[in-house]
Amino acid sequence: MNLAQVISYGTFYLTFASNTRRSGVITSLRGRIAFPSSRGPQPKAGETWHVTIAGENPKRTVYFLSCIEKVENGA
């Protein structure tokens, strides 16, 4: 998966990939699986976005991300 480039506390640049288990995209952050929040822009596979952590699941194994701004288009 991707390495996150930290730009300030709690904000990151992440590149999303196709989710092979269900529709949509997926990425990783701090060793956890991460998905874009359903309440906002939905990245496409290969796109890099400026994101923040919007929440996590109760077991703290998955992050949900708020997508702030698209930085780079997919290939």
Protein backbone atom coordinates (compact mmCIF):
# COMPACT_ATOMS: atom_id res chain seq x y z
CA MET A 1 0.00 0.00 0.00
CA ASN A 2 1.00 3.68 0.33
CA LEU A 3 3.14 5.65 2.67
CA ALA A 4 1.50 8.82 3.93
CA GLN A 5 3.30 12.12 3.75
CA VAL A 6 2.39 14.11 6.85
CA ILE A 7 1.88 17.81 6.12
CA SER A 8 0.58 18.85 9.53
CA TYR A 9 -0.91 17.11 12.53
CA GLY A 10 -3.77 14.97 11.32
CA THR A 11 -3.60 15.76 7.60
CA PHE A 12 -2.00 13.57 4.96
CA TYR A 13 -1.51 13.01 1.24
CA LEU A 14 -2.70 9.52 0.28
CA THR A 15 -3.08 7.67 -3.01
CA PHE A 16 -6.12 5.44 -3.36
CA ALA A 17 -6.30 2.02 -5.04
CA SER A 18 -9.21 -0.12 -6.28
CA ASN A 19 -10.86 -2.14 -3.54
CA THR A 20 -10.85 -5.75 -4.72
CA ARG A 21 -13.35 -6.95 -2.09
CA ARG A 22 -16.11 -4.41 -2.75
CA SER A 23 -16.83 -1.35 -4.88
CA GLY A 24 -14.94 1.86 -4.26
CA VAL A 25 -11.36 2.57 -3.25
CA ILE A 26 -9.04 1.77 -0.36
CA THR A 27 -5.72 2.96 1.05
CA SER A 28 -3.68 2.52 4.22
CA LEU A 29 -2.58 4.88 6.95
CA ARG A 30 -0.45 4.14 10.02
CA GLY A 31 -0.73 0.40 9.38
CA ARG A 32 -4.52 0.42 9.13
CA ILE A 33 -6.89 0.03 6.21
CA ALA A 34 -8.55 3.34 5.33
CA PHE A 35 -11.65 4.22 3.32
CA PRO A 36 -13.01 7.59 2.20
CA SER A 37 -15.96 8.73 4.29
CA SER A 38 -19.29 8.32 2.53
CA ARG A 39 -20.07 11.97 3.37
CA GLY A 40 -17.92 13.74 0.86
CA PRO A 41 -15.98 13.50 -2.38
CA GLN A 42 -15.21 9.95 -3.52
CA PRO A 43 -11.69 9.45 -4.91
CA LYS A 44 -11.03 7.22 -7.90
CA ALA A 45 -8.30 4.59 -8.07
CA GLY A 46 -4.87 6.13 -8.67
CA GLU A 47 -5.81 9.61 -7.41
CA THR A 48 -3.86 11.33 -4.64
CA TRP A 49 -5.88 13.37 -2.14
CA HIS A 50 -5.22 15.64 0.83
CA VAL A 51 -7.16 13.93 3.66
CA THR A 52 -7.86 14.04 7.39
CA ILE A 53 -8.98 11.25 9.69
CA ALA A 54 -12.75 11.55 10.14
CA GLY A 55 -13.16 8.56 12.44
CA GLU A 56 -12.39 4.92 13.08
CA ASN A 57 -14.27 1.69 13.71
CA PRO A 58 -14.90 0.53 17.31
CA LYS A 59 -12.03 -2.00 17.20
CA ARG A 60 -9.64 0.71 15.96
CA THR A 61 -8.54 -1.32 12.96
CA VAL A 62 -9.98 0.90 10.18
CA TYR A 63 -9.83 4.66 9.51
CA PHE A 64 -12.49 6.67 7.70
CA LEU A 65 -11.08 9.67 5.86
CA SER A 66 -12.44 13.09 4.94
CA CYS A 67 -11.18 13.94 1.47
CA ILE A 68 -10.30 17.63 1.36
CA GLU A 69 -8.73 18.22 -2.05
CA LYS A 70 -7.59 16.17 -5.03
CA VAL A 71 -3.86 16.70 -5.53
CA GLU A 72 -3.12 14.42 -8.48
CA ASN A 73 -5.16 12.50 -11.04
CA GLY A 74 -4.84 8.75 -11.47
CA ALA A 75 -2.73 7.19 -14.18
